[in-house]
Protein backbone atom coordinates (compact mmCIF):
# COMPACT_ATOMS: atom_id res chain seq x y z
CA MET A 1 -0.47 -0.24 -0.11
CA ILE A 2 2.57 2.87 1.18
CA THR A 3 6.12 2.38 0.47
CA VAL A 4 8.82 4.02 2.24
CA THR A 5 11.81 5.10 0.84
CA GLN A 6 15.32 3.56 2.75
CA SER A 7 15.85 7.94 3.19
CA ALA A 8 12.68 8.47 3.92
CA ALA A 9 13.20 5.20 6.51
CA ARG A 10 16.11 6.86 8.38
CA GLN A 11 14.85 10.31 8.17
CA ILE A 12 11.90 8.82 10.49
CA ARG A 13 13.53 7.06 12.41
CA VAL A 14 16.29 10.06 13.29
CA ALA A 15 12.68 12.19 13.98
CA ALA A 16 11.56 9.29 16.29
CA ALA A 17 14.53 9.26 18.67
CA GLN A 18 14.50 13.31 19.31
CA SER A 19 11.03 13.58 20.33
CA GLY A 20 11.04 9.96 22.25
CA SER A 21 8.91 8.43 19.78
CA GLU A 22 10.23 5.15 18.57
CA ASP A 23 7.56 3.19 20.80
CA LEU A 24 4.92 5.53 18.31
CA GLY A 25 3.99 4.78 14.05
CA LEU A 26 4.33 7.50 11.84
CA ARG A 27 0.41 8.38 11.17
CA ILE A 28 -0.10 9.67 7.39
CA ALA A 29 -3.29 11.70 6.51
CA ALA A 30 -4.73 12.44 2.91
CA ARG A 31 -7.38 14.76 2.28
CA ARG A 32 -8.27 16.03 -1.46
CA ASP A 33 -9.55 20.04 -1.66
CA GLU A 34 -12.12 21.60 -3.14
CA ARG A 35 -9.82 21.83 -6.36
CA GLY A 36 -8.91 18.48 -6.13
CA GLU A 37 -4.99 18.50 -4.79
CA LEU A 38 -4.35 16.59 -1.98
CA HIS A 39 -2.91 17.88 1.15
CA TYR A 40 -0.75 15.59 3.59
CA ALA A 41 0.03 15.19 6.92
CA MET A 42 1.90 13.29 9.16
CA GLY A 43 2.82 13.01 12.59
CA PHE A 44 3.50 10.12 15.71
CA ASP A 45 0.77 8.46 16.78
CA ASP A 46 -0.34 5.34 18.52
CA ALA A 47 -2.72 3.06 16.65
CA ARG A 48 -6.45 3.42 16.83
CA GLU A 49 -9.12 0.55 16.61
CA ASP A 50 -9.77 0.76 12.71
CA ASP A 51 -6.55 1.88 11.56
CA LEU A 52 -4.88 -0.04 9.50
CA VAL A 53 -0.87 -0.72 10.60
CA LEU A 54 2.10 -2.01 8.38
CA SER A 55 5.03 -1.92 7.82
CA SER A 56 8.07 -0.40 4.60
CA GLU A 57 11.30 0.28 6.00
CA GLY A 58 11.50 -1.21 9.18
CA VAL A 59 8.88 1.89 10.06
CA ALA A 60 5.33 1.30 11.57
CA LEU A 61 2.95 3.06 9.19
CA VAL A 62 -1.10 3.64 10.42
CA VAL A 63 -3.61 4.80 8.75
CA ALA A 64 -7.43 5.78 9.77
CA PRO A 65 -9.57 4.08 7.58
CA ALA A 66 -11.22 7.06 5.86
CA HIS A 67 -7.22 7.49 4.26
CA ARG A 68 -6.97 4.62 2.86
CA VAL A 69 -8.31 4.87 -0.46
CA LEU A 70 -5.98 8.39 -1.25
CA LEU A 71 -3.29 6.86 -0.30
CA GLU A 72 -2.61 3.68 -1.91
CA GLY A 73 0.33 3.42 -3.75
CA MET A 74 1.96 6.13 -2.61
CA THR A 75 5.84 6.56 -1.97
CA LEU A 76 7.39 8.79 0.76
CA ASP A 77 10.86 9.87 0.35
CA TYR A 78 12.77 12.01 1.29
CA VAL A 79 14.94 14.32 -0.60
CA GLU A 80 17.35 17.31 -1.43
CA LEU A 81 15.36 19.64 -2.80
CA GLU A 82 17.96 22.38 -3.36
CA THR A 83 20.90 22.26 -1.66
CA GLY A 84 20.63 22.04 2.28
CA ASP A 85 16.82 22.13 1.42
CA PHE A 86 15.60 18.92 2.43
CA ARG A 87 11.79 17.43 2.51
CA PHE A 88 10.07 14.65 2.89
CA ILE A 89 8.03 13.64 -0.69
CA PHE A 90 4.37 12.45 -1.59
CA ILE A 91 4.99 10.11 -4.50
CA ASN A 92 1.40 9.93 -5.04
CA PRO A 93 -0.31 7.77 -8.42
CA ASN A 94 -3.95 9.26 -6.56
CA ASP A 95 -2.38 12.47 -6.83
CA ALA A 96 -1.98 13.09 -10.42
CA PRO A 97 -2.45 16.84 -11.87
CA THR A 98 -5.92 17.50 -11.25
CA ALA A 99 -9.16 16.90 -13.31
CA ALA A 100 -9.76 21.18 -12.64
CA ALA A 101 -7.68 21.37 -16.49
CA GLY A 102 -10.16 18.96 -17.93
CA ASN A 103 -12.89 20.25 -16.36
CA GLY A 104 -12.59 24.22 -17.51
CA GLY A 105 -10.17 24.78 -14.01
CA GLY A 106 -13.88 24.83 -12.05
CA PRO A 107 -14.32 23.58 -8.51
CA ARG A 108 -15.37 20.23 -8.60
């Protein structure tokens, strides 16, 4: 379902250690805005009863039922966008260029 690259996994482990969250999973969420664009959130959290819990590159991932469809097939990576500017990026087949371009640019 969700793939974490080795680079992202290393950074997630560093962040977990720095925040004392080694025993928590990384919760990932996504929502689609009125223009159809996906927005992401993540943070360390305990799993709840209906959550999907999976592992990629040794990182425990937690996804709420409402977010599963939007995150299906996503890859989480950690890259250097510009010199010294490292960031997590979400590579998601569900976040193809919005259909707004095909529907006159108006809201959905």
